[in-house]
Amino acid sequence: MIAEQYISQGSAYYQVLPLCGLSRSSYYCRSYSGRRGRKPSTQTMNVHGVLFSNDSVLERIEWLMGQEFIDYGYEKTAAWLRQEGMIINKKRSTA
């Protein structure tokens, strides 16, 4: 990058960056490798402390949705899972 060449030669960054059309935040921004944030969970706990795989929770949801006249959204499905004893966070995505 041309700005780095002039800065490494001793020019002040606050003089070089406007000439190159760069903001300071863009110049100092570093990209991160990989995905940021917490890794998605692979298990769900029930109220008794037993861990279930997300696949088994998904099977329960598929069974519920397969019942006749059931048209639950996220809120009702999460409430049903809580009644079944699962600990479901309101921010959790089950699919």
PDB file of N, CA and C in Angstrom:
ATOM      1  N   MET A   1       0.859  -1.171   0.000  1.00  0.00           N
ATOM      2  CA  MET A   1       0.000   0.000   0.000  1.00  0.00           C
ATOM      3  C   MET A   1       0.905   1.234   0.000  1.00  0.00           C
ATOM      4  N   ILE A   2       0.536   2.205  -0.754  1.00  0.00           N
ATOM      5  CA  ILE A   2       1.375   3.389  -0.916  1.00  0.00           C
ATOM      6  C   ILE A   2       1.478   4.192   0.384  1.00  0.00           C
ATOM      7  N   ALA A   3       0.410   4.211   1.172  1.00  0.00           N
ATOM      8  CA  ALA A   3       0.446   4.947   2.441  1.00  0.00           C
ATOM      9  C   ALA A   3       1.488   4.346   3.367  1.00  0.00           C
ATOM     10  N   GLU A   4       1.598   3.024   3.402  1.00  0.00           N
ATOM     11  CA  GLU A   4       2.581   2.371   4.274  1.00  0.00           C
ATOM     12  C   GLU A   4       4.003   2.728   3.855  1.00  0.00           C
ATOM     13  N   GLN A   5       4.248   2.873   2.570  1.00  0.00           N
ATOM     14  CA  GLN A   5       5.583   3.228   2.099  1.00  0.00           C
ATOM     15  C   GLN A   5       5.998   4.598   2.624  1.00  0.00           C
ATOM     16  N   TYR A   6       5.104   5.580   2.514  1.00  0.00           N
ATOM     17  CA  TYR A   6       5.443   6.928   2.966  1.00  0.00           C
ATOM     18  C   TYR A   6       5.535   6.993   4.488  1.00  0.00           C
ATOM     19  N   ILE A   7       4.678   6.264   5.185  1.00  0.00           N
ATOM     20  CA  ILE A   7       4.726   6.273   6.646  1.00  0.00           C
ATOM     21  C   ILE A   7       6.009   5.614   7.124  1.00  0.00           C
ATOM     22  N   SER A   8       6.428   4.519   6.464  1.00  0.00           N
ATOM     23  CA  SER A   8       7.668   3.851   6.865  1.00  0.00           C
ATOM     24  C   SER A   8       8.897   4.714   6.562  1.00  0.00           C
ATOM     25  N   GLN A   9       8.801   5.648   5.638  1.00  0.00           N
ATOM     26  CA  GLN A   9       9.914   6.552   5.317  1.00  0.00           C
ATOM     27  C   GLN A   9       9.981   7.733   6.274  1.00  0.00           C
ATOM     28  N   GLY A  10       9.037   7.821   7.193  1.00  0.00           N
ATOM     29  CA  GLY A  10       9.100   8.870   8.205  1.00  0.00           C
ATOM     30  C   GLY A  10       8.024   9.930   8.103  1.00  0.00           C
ATOM     31  N   SER A  11       7.169   9.854   7.110  1.00  0.00           N
ATOM     32  CA  SER A  11       6.089  10.835   7.002  1.00  0.00           C
ATOM     33  C   SER A  11       5.034  10.552   8.063  1.00  0.00           C
ATOM     34  N   ALA A  12       4.386  11.592   8.516  1.00  0.00           N
ATOM     35  CA  ALA A  12       3.361  11.452   9.546  1.00  0.00           C
ATOM     36  C   ALA A  12       2.094  10.868   8.922  1.00  0.00           C
ATOM     37  N   TYR A  13       1.488   9.908   9.641  1.00  0.00           N
ATOM     38  CA  TYR A  13       0.294   9.241   9.109  1.00  0.00           C
ATOM     39  C   TYR A  13      -0.846  10.216   8.892  1.00  0.00           C
ATOM     40  N   TYR A  14      -0.957  11.250   9.765  1.00  0.00           N
ATOM     41  CA  TYR A  14      -2.083  12.176   9.643  1.00  0.00           C
ATOM     42  C   TYR A  14      -1.955  13.072   8.411  1.00  0.00           C
ATOM     43  N   GLN A  15      -0.740  13.123   7.825  1.00  0.00           N
ATOM     44  CA  GLN A  15      -0.564  13.874   6.580  1.00  0.00           C
ATOM     45  C   GLN A  15      -0.736  12.963   5.359  1.00  0.00           C
ATOM     46  N   VAL A  16      -0.300  11.703   5.480  1.00  0.00           N
ATOM     47  CA  VAL A  16      -0.313  10.779   4.350  1.00  0.00           C
ATOM     48  C   VAL A  16      -1.717  10.240   4.069  1.00  0.00           C
ATOM     49  N   LEU A  17      -2.428   9.854   5.122  1.00  0.00           N
ATOM     50  CA  LEU A  17      -3.726   9.195   4.934  1.00  0.00           C
ATOM     51  C   LEU A  17      -4.749  10.039   4.190  1.00  0.00           C
ATOM     52  N   PRO A  18      -4.904  11.337   4.491  1.00  0.00           N
ATOM     53  CA  PRO A  18      -5.859  12.129   3.701  1.00  0.00           C
ATOM     54  C   PRO A  18      -5.467  12.242   2.223  1.00  0.00           C
ATOM     55  N   LEU A  19      -4.162  12.266   1.945  1.00  0.00           N
ATOM     56  CA  LEU A  19      -3.725  12.352   0.552  1.00  0.00           C
ATOM     57  C   LEU A  19      -4.059  11.079  -0.213  1.00  0.00           C
ATOM     58  N   CYS A  20      -4.057   9.950   0.499  1.00  0.00           N
ATOM     59  CA  CYS A  20      -4.393   8.662  -0.132  1.00  0.00           C
ATOM     60  C   CYS A  20      -5.887   8.393  -0.131  1.00  0.00           C
ATOM     61  N   GLY A  21      -6.647   9.258   0.532  1.00  0.00           N
ATOM     62  CA  GLY A  21      -8.090   9.061   0.594  1.00  0.00           C
ATOM     63  C   GLY A  21      -8.504   7.997   1.593  1.00  0.00           C
ATOM     64  N   LEU A  22      -7.682   7.791   2.630  1.00  0.00           N
ATOM     65  CA  LEU A  22      -7.983   6.785   3.652  1.00  0.00           C
ATOM     66  C   LEU A  22      -8.299   7.450   4.983  1.00  0.00           C
ATOM     67  N   SER A  23      -9.234   6.883   5.696  1.00  0.00           N
ATOM     68  CA  SER A  23      -9.477   7.333   7.057  1.00  0.00           C
ATOM     69  C   SER A  23      -8.556   6.564   7.995  1.00  0.00           C
ATOM     70  N   ARG A  24      -8.322   7.099   9.181  1.00  0.00           N
ATOM     71  CA  ARG A  24      -7.461   6.418  10.138  1.00  0.00           C
ATOM     72  C   ARG A  24      -8.013   5.061  10.529  1.00  0.00           C
ATOM     73  N   SER A  25      -9.334   4.981  10.709  1.00  0.00           N
ATOM     74  CA  SER A  25      -9.929   3.711  11.118  1.00  0.00           C
ATOM     75  C   SER A  25      -9.771   2.647  10.030  1.00  0.00           C
ATOM     76  N   SER A  26      -9.839   3.042   8.765  1.00  0.00           N
ATOM     77  CA  SER A  26      -9.648   2.081   7.677  1.00  0.00           C
ATOM     78  C   SER A  26      -8.194   1.623   7.600  1.00  0.00           C
ATOM     79  N   TYR A  27      -7.283   2.529   7.864  1.00  0.00           N
ATOM     80  CA  TYR A  27      -5.865   2.178   7.791  1.00  0.00           C
ATOM     81  C   TYR A  27      -5.477   1.201   8.901  1.00  0.00           C
ATOM     82  N   TYR A  28      -5.980   1.421  10.110  1.00  0.00           N
ATOM     83  CA  TYR A  28      -5.598   0.578  11.238  1.00  0.00           C
ATOM     84  C   TYR A  28      -6.463  -0.671  11.394  1.00  0.00           C
ATOM     85  N   CYS A  29      -7.523  -0.792  10.628  1.00  0.00           N
ATOM     86  CA  CYS A  29      -8.421  -1.943  10.740  1.00  0.00           C
ATOM     87  C   CYS A  29      -7.694  -3.206  10.290  1.00  0.00           C
ATOM     88  N   ARG A  30      -7.741  -4.244  11.106  1.00  0.00           N
ATOM     89  CA  ARG A  30      -7.115  -5.523  10.775  1.00  0.00           C
ATOM     90  C   ARG A  30      -8.202  -6.578  10.669  1.00  0.00           C
ATOM     91  N   SER A  31      -8.143  -7.366   9.617  1.00  0.00           N
ATOM     92  CA  SER A  31      -9.152  -8.410   9.454  1.00  0.00           C
ATOM     93  C   SER A  31      -8.803  -9.591  10.348  1.00  0.00           C
ATOM     94  N   TYR A  32      -9.831 -10.286  10.800  1.00  0.00           N
ATOM     95  CA  TYR A  32      -9.672 -11.453  11.646  1.00  0.00           C
ATOM     96  C   TYR A  32      -9.843 -12.704  10.801  1.00  0.00           C
ATOM     97  N   SER A  33      -9.068 -13.719  11.113  1.00  0.00           N
ATOM     98  CA  SER A  33      -9.237 -14.966  10.382  1.00  0.00           C
ATOM     99  C   SER A  33     -10.294 -15.811  11.078  1.00  0.00           C
ATOM    100  N   GLY A  34     -11.107 -16.475  10.309  1.00  0.00           N
ATOM    101  CA  GLY A  34     -12.150 -17.323  10.887  1.00  0.00           C
ATOM    102  C   GLY A  34     -13.359 -16.524  11.327  1.00  0.00           C
ATOM    103  N   ARG A  35     -14.295 -17.240  11.901  1.00  0.00           N
ATOM    104  CA  ARG A  35     -15.526 -16.611  12.375  1.00  0.00           C
ATOM    105  C   ARG A  35     -15.301 -16.027  13.753  1.00  0.00           C
ATOM    106  N   ARG A  36     -15.888 -14.877  13.987  1.00  0.00           N
ATOM    107  CA  ARG A  36     -15.761 -14.236  15.276  1.00  0.00           C
ATOM    108  C   ARG A  36     -16.904 -14.669  16.179  1.00  0.00           C
ATOM    109  N   GLY A  37     -16.686 -14.537  17.453  1.00  0.00           N
ATOM    110  CA  GLY A  37     -17.739 -14.820  18.415  1.00  0.00           C
ATOM    111  C   GLY A  37     -17.652 -16.219  18.984  1.00  0.00           C
ATOM    112  N   ARG A  38     -18.630 -16.518  19.786  1.00  0.00           N
ATOM    113  CA  ARG A  38     -18.683 -17.800  20.467  1.00  0.00           C
ATOM    114  C   ARG A  38     -19.124 -18.898  19.501  1.00  0.00           C
ATOM    115  N   LYS A  39     -18.575 -20.076  19.675  1.00  0.00           N
ATOM    116  CA  LYS A  39     -18.946 -21.193  18.816  1.00  0.00           C
ATOM    117  C   LYS A  39     -20.354 -21.663  19.168  1.00  0.00           C
ATOM    118  N   PRO A  40     -21.134 -22.102  18.185  1.00  0.00           N
ATOM    119  CA  PRO A  40     -22.484 -22.590  18.452  1.00  0.00           C
ATOM    120  C   PRO A  40     -22.438 -23.835  19.338  1.00  0.00           C
ATOM    121  N   SER A  41     -23.409 -23.941  20.221  1.00  0.00           N
ATOM    122  CA  SER A  41     -23.445 -25.093  21.109  1.00  0.00           C
ATOM    123  C   SER A  41     -23.855 -26.346  20.341  1.00  0.00           C
ATOM    124  N   THR A  42     -23.431 -27.486  20.854  1.00  0.00           N
ATOM    125  CA  THR A  42     -23.773 -28.758  20.225  1.00  0.00           C
ATOM    126  C   THR A  42     -24.690 -29.578  21.104  1.00  0.00           C
ATOM    127  N   GLN A  43     -24.947 -29.090  22.324  1.00  0.00           N
ATOM    128  CA  GLN A  43     -25.771 -29.833  23.265  1.00  0.00           C
ATOM    129  C   GLN A  43     -26.719 -28.887  23.987  1.00  0.00           C
ATOM    130  N   THR A  44     -27.800 -29.467  24.496  1.00  0.00           N
ATOM    131  CA  THR A  44     -28.783 -28.739  25.271  1.00  0.00           C
ATOM    132  C   THR A  44     -28.984 -29.478  26.587  1.00  0.00           C
ATOM    133  N   MET A  45     -29.101 -28.717  27.669  1.00  0.00           N
ATOM    134  CA  MET A  45     -29.244 -29.324  28.980  1.00  0.00           C
ATOM    135  C   MET A  45     -30.704 -29.263  29.430  1.00  0.00           C
ATOM    136  N   ASN A  46     -31.118 -30.290  30.166  1.00  0.00           N
ATOM    137  CA  ASN A  46     -32.452 -30.215  30.750  1.00  0.00           C
ATOM    138  C   ASN A  46     -32.330 -29.784  32.200  1.00  0.00           C
ATOM    139  N   VAL A  47     -33.459 -29.650  32.895  1.00  0.00           N
ATOM    140  CA  VAL A  47     -33.449 -29.117  34.256  1.00  0.00           C
ATOM    141  C   VAL A  47     -32.763 -30.046  35.243  1.00  0.00           C
ATOM    142  N   HIS A  48     -32.569 -31.308  34.887  1.00  0.00           N
ATOM    143  CA  HIS A  48     -31.913 -32.268  35.769  1.00  0.00           C
ATOM    144  C   HIS A  48     -30.414 -32.347  35.509  1.00  0.00           C
ATOM    145  N   GLY A  49     -29.904 -31.544  34.577  1.00  0.00           N
ATOM    146  CA  GLY A  49     -28.486 -31.509  34.285  1.00  0.00           C
ATOM    147  C   GLY A  49     -28.027 -32.518  33.252  1.00  0.00           C
ATOM    148  N   VAL A  50     -28.954 -33.207  32.608  1.00  0.00           N
ATOM    149  CA  VAL A  50     -28.609 -34.188  31.580  1.00  0.00           C
ATOM    150  C   VAL A  50     -28.447 -33.464  30.249  1.00  0.00           C
ATOM    151  N   LEU A  51     -27.375 -33.781  29.527  1.00  0.00           N
ATOM    152  CA  LEU A  51     -27.122 -33.163  28.228  1.00  0.00           C
ATOM    153  C   LEU A  51     -27.741 -33.987  27.106  1.00  0.00           C
ATOM    154  N   PHE A  52     -28.365 -33.295  26.166  1.00  0.00           N
ATOM    155  CA  PHE A  52     -28.945 -33.911  24.977  1.00  0.00           C
ATOM    156  C   PHE A  52     -28.285 -33.280  23.763  1.00  0.00           C
ATOM    157  N   SER A  53     -28.069 -34.076  22.738  1.00  0.00           N
ATOM    158  CA  SER A  53     -27.517 -33.504  21.515  1.00  0.00           C
ATOM    159  C   SER A  53     -28.581 -32.635  20.845  1.00  0.00           C
ATOM    160  N   ASN A  54     -28.120 -31.679  20.069  1.00  0.00           N
ATOM    161  CA  ASN A  54     -29.062 -30.820  19.357  1.00  0.00           C
ATOM    162  C   ASN A  54     -29.891 -31.610  18.355  1.00  0.00           C
ATOM    163  N   ASP A  55     -29.341 -32.721  17.870  1.00  0.00           N
ATOM    164  CA  ASP A  55     -30.106 -33.561  16.943  1.00  0.00           C
ATOM    165  C   ASP A  55     -31.327 -34.163  17.627  1.00  0.00           C
ATOM    166  N   SER A  56     -31.190 -34.578  18.893  1.00  0.00           N
ATOM    167  CA  SER A  56     -32.338 -35.153  19.588  1.00  0.00           C
ATOM    168  C   SER A  56     -33.390 -34.083  19.885  1.00  0.00           C
ATOM    169  N   VAL A  57     -32.943 -32.866  20.163  1.00  0.00           N
ATOM    170  CA  VAL A  57     -33.898 -31.766  20.371  1.00  0.00           C
ATOM    171  C   VAL A  57     -34.612 -31.464  19.059  1.00  0.00           C
ATOM    172  N   LEU A  58     -33.876 -31.495  17.975  1.00  0.00           N
ATOM    173  CA  LEU A  58     -34.478 -31.261  16.664  1.00  0.00           C
ATOM    174  C   LEU A  58     -35.497 -32.344  16.323  1.00  0.00           C
ATOM    175  N   GLU A  59     -35.213 -33.587  16.697  1.00  0.00           N
ATOM    176  CA  GLU A  59     -36.181 -34.667  16.481  1.00  0.00           C
ATOM    177  C   GLU A  59     -37.462 -34.416  17.252  1.00  0.00           C
ATOM    178  N   ARG A  60     -37.335 -33.904  18.484  1.00  0.00           N
ATOM    179  CA  ARG A  60     -38.535 -33.570  19.272  1.00  0.00           C
ATOM    180  C   ARG A  60     -39.346 -32.477  18.593  1.00  0.00           C
ATOM    181  N   ILE A  61     -38.649 -31.480  18.059  1.00  0.00           N
ATOM    182  CA  ILE A  61     -39.340 -30.381  17.382  1.00  0.00           C
ATOM    183  C   ILE A  61     -40.028 -30.896  16.126  1.00  0.00           C
ATOM    184  N   GLU A  62     -39.348 -31.758  15.377  1.00  0.00           N
ATOM    185  CA  GLU A  62     -39.956 -32.322  14.171  1.00  0.00           C
ATOM    186  C   GLU A  62     -41.172 -33.164  14.513  1.00  0.00           C
ATOM    187  N   TRP A  63     -41.105 -33.897  15.626  1.00  0.00           N
ATOM    188  CA  TRP A  63     -42.271 -34.677  16.057  1.00  0.00           C
ATOM    189  C   TRP A  63     -43.430 -33.742  16.380  1.00  0.00           C
ATOM    190  N   LEU A  64     -43.146 -32.669  17.106  1.00  0.00           N
ATOM    191  CA  LEU A  64     -44.193 -31.710  17.474  1.00  0.00           C
ATOM    192  C   LEU A  64     -44.826 -31.101  16.231  1.00  0.00           C
ATOM    193  N   MET A  65     -44.003 -30.680  15.276  1.00  0.00           N
ATOM    194  CA  MET A  65     -44.525 -30.052  14.064  1.00  0.00           C
ATOM    195  C   MET A  65     -45.265 -31.039  13.173  1.00  0.00           C
ATOM    196  N   GLY A  66     -45.003 -32.325  13.343  1.00  0.00           N
ATOM    197  CA  GLY A  66     -45.687 -33.338  12.558  1.00  0.00           C
ATOM    198  C   GLY A  66     -47.093 -33.641  13.065  1.00  0.00           C
ATOM    199  N   GLN A  67     -47.444 -33.135  14.258  1.00  0.00           N
ATOM    200  CA  GLN A  67     -48.778 -33.359  14.808  1.00  0.00           C
ATOM    201  C   GLN A  67     -49.803 -32.563  14.004  1.00  0.00           C
ATOM    202  N   GLU A  68     -50.999 -33.086  13.961  1.00  0.00           N
ATOM    203  CA  GLU A  68     -52.057 -32.427  13.208  1.00  0.00           C
ATOM    204  C   GLU A  68     -52.498 -31.142  13.917  1.00  0.00           C
ATOM    205  N   PHE A  69     -52.739 -30.092  13.145  1.00  0.00           N
ATOM    206  CA  PHE A  69     -53.223 -28.795  13.620  1.00  0.00           C
ATOM    207  C   PHE A  69     -52.209 -28.050  14.486  1.00  0.00           C
ATOM    208  N   ILE A  70     -50.949 -28.346  14.361  1.00  0.00           N
ATOM    209  CA  ILE A  70     -49.915 -27.609  15.094  1.00  0.00           C
ATOM    210  C   ILE A  70     -49.256 -26.639  14.133  1.00  0.00           C
ATOM    211  N   ASP A  71     -49.301 -25.363  14.462  1.00  0.00           N
ATOM    212  CA  ASP A  71     -48.636 -24.351  13.638  1.00  0.00           C
ATOM    213  C   ASP A  71     -47.858 -23.402  14.544  1.00  0.00           C
ATOM    214  N   TYR A  72     -47.036 -23.984  15.404  1.00  0.00           N
ATOM    215  CA  TYR A  72     -46.271 -23.210  16.372  1.00  0.00           C
ATOM    216  C   TYR A  72     -45.159 -22.433  15.692  1.00  0.00           C
ATOM    217  N   GLY A  73     -44.863 -21.263  16.236  1.00  0.00           N
ATOM    218  CA  GLY A  73     -43.688 -20.491  15.858  1.00  0.00           C
ATOM    219  C   GLY A  73     -42.598 -20.747  16.882  1.00  0.00           C
ATOM    220  N   TYR A  74     -41.600 -19.888  16.896  1.00  0.00           N
ATOM    221  CA  TYR A  74     -40.480 -20.090  17.801  1.00  0.00           C
ATOM    222  C   TYR A  74     -40.908 -20.019  19.263  1.00  0.00           C
ATOM    223  N   GLU A  75     -41.703 -19.014  19.611  1.00  0.00           N
ATOM    224  CA  GLU A  75     -42.066 -18.801  21.022  1.00  0.00           C
ATOM    225  C   GLU A  75     -42.812 -20.006  21.596  1.00  0.00           C
ATOM    226  N   LYS A  76     -43.817 -20.494  20.890  1.00  0.00           N
ATOM    227  CA  LYS A  76     -44.591 -21.625  21.394  1.00  0.00           C
ATOM    228  C   LYS A  76     -43.769 -22.909  21.411  1.00  0.00           C
ATOM    229  N   THR A  77     -42.912 -23.076  20.405  1.00  0.00           N
ATOM    230  CA  THR A  77     -42.061 -24.266  20.371  1.00  0.00           C
ATOM    231  C   THR A  77     -41.082 -24.246  21.534  1.00  0.00           C
ATOM    232  N   ALA A  78     -40.466 -23.091  21.801  1.00  0.00           N
ATOM    233  CA  ALA A  78     -39.532 -22.970  22.922  1.00  0.00           C
ATOM    234  C   ALA A  78     -40.258 -23.189  24.248  1.00  0.00           C
ATOM    235  N   ALA A  79     -41.483 -22.677  24.374  1.00  0.00           N
ATOM    236  CA  ALA A  79     -42.265 -22.887  25.600  1.00  0.00           C
ATOM    237  C   ALA A  79     -42.591 -24.365  25.782  1.00  0.00           C
ATOM    238  N   TRP A  80     -42.910 -25.055  24.683  1.00  0.00           N
ATOM    239  CA  TRP A  80     -43.190 -26.497  24.768  1.00  0.00           C
ATOM    240  C   TRP A  80     -41.956 -27.256  25.211  1.00  0.00           C
ATOM    241  N   LEU A  81     -40.793 -26.897  24.661  1.00  0.00           N
ATOM    242  CA  LEU A  81     -39.551 -27.548  25.068  1.00  0.00           C
ATOM    243  C   LEU A  81     -39.239 -27.278  26.532  1.00  0.00           C
ATOM    244  N   ARG A  82     -39.535 -26.082  26.996  1.00  0.00           N
ATOM    245  CA  ARG A  82     -39.323 -25.774  28.421  1.00  0.00           C
ATOM    246  C   ARG A  82     -40.253 -26.612  29.295  1.00  0.00           C
ATOM    247  N   GLN A  83     -41.501 -26.827  28.835  1.00  0.00           N
ATOM    248  CA  GLN A  83     -42.415 -27.694  29.581  1.00  0.00           C
ATOM    249  C   GLN A  83     -41.904 -29.124  29.622  1.00  0.00           C
ATOM    250  N   GLU A  84     -41.187 -29.520  28.575  1.00  0.00           N
ATOM    251  CA  GLU A  84     -40.606 -30.856  28.516  1.00  0.00           C
ATOM    252  C   GLU A  84     -39.353 -30.963  29.379  1.00  0.00           C
ATOM    253  N   GLY A  85     -38.931 -29.841  29.983  1.00  0.00           N
ATOM    254  CA  GLY A  85     -37.782 -29.857  30.883  1.00  0.00           C
ATOM    255  C   GLY A  85     -36.487 -29.389  30.277  1.00  0.00           C
ATOM    256  N   MET A  86     -36.509 -28.894  29.042  1.00  0.00           N
ATOM    257  CA  MET A  86     -35.287 -28.425  28.393  1.00  0.00           C
ATOM    258  C   MET A  86     -35.020 -26.978  28.796  1.00  0.00           C
ATOM    259  N   ILE A  87     -33.753 -26.634  28.898  1.00  0.00           N
ATOM    260  CA  ILE A  87     -33.368 -25.254  29.185  1.00  0.00           C
ATOM    261  C   ILE A  87     -33.093 -24.595  27.838  1.00  0.00           C
ATOM    262  N   ILE A  88     -33.982 -23.705  27.440  1.00  0.00           N
ATOM    263  CA  ILE A  88     -33.893 -23.035  26.147  1.00  0.00           C
ATOM    264  C   ILE A  88     -33.760 -21.544  26.392  1.00  0.00           C
ATOM    265  N   ASN A  89     -32.674 -20.955  25.922  1.00  0.00           N
ATOM    266  CA  ASN A  89     -32.436 -19.541  26.044  1.00  0.00           C
ATOM    267  C   ASN A  89     -33.287 -18.820  24.996  1.00  0.00           C
ATOM    268  N   LYS A  90     -33.734 -17.612  25.309  1.00  0.00           N
ATOM    269  CA  LYS A  90     -34.556 -16.894  24.353  1.00  0.00           C
ATOM    270  C   LYS A  90     -33.772 -16.477  23.116  1.00  0.00           C
ATOM    271  N   LYS A  91     -32.429 -16.477  23.179  1.00  0.00           N
ATOM    272  CA  LYS A  91     -31.609 -16.114  22.028  1.00  0.00           C
ATOM    273  C   LYS A  91     -31.202 -17.333  21.200  1.00  0.00           C
ATOM    274  N   ARG A  92     -31.549 -18.503  21.636  1.00  0.00           N
ATOM    275  CA  ARG A  92     -31.067 -19.717  20.975  1.00  0.00           C
ATOM    276  C   ARG A  92     -31.850 -19.993  19.688  1.00  0.00           C
ATOM    277  N   SER A  93     -31.127 -20.368  18.669  1.00  0.00           N
ATOM    278  CA  SER A  93     -31.740 -20.790  17.420  1.00  0.00           C
ATOM    279  C   SER A  93     -31.712 -22.305  17.390  1.00  0.00           C
ATOM    280  N   THR A  94     -32.850 -22.945  17.171  1.00  0.00           N
ATOM    281  CA  THR A  94     -32.914 -24.404  17.233  1.00  0.00           C
ATOM    282  C   THR A  94     -32.708 -25.050  15.890  1.00  0.00           C
ATOM    283  N   ALA A  95     -32.614 -24.302  14.831  1.00  0.00           N
ATOM    284  CA  ALA A  95     -32.438 -24.924  13.505  1.00  0.00           C
ATOM    285  C   ALA A  95     -31.070 -24.689  12.953  1.00  0.00           C
TER     286      ALA A  95
END
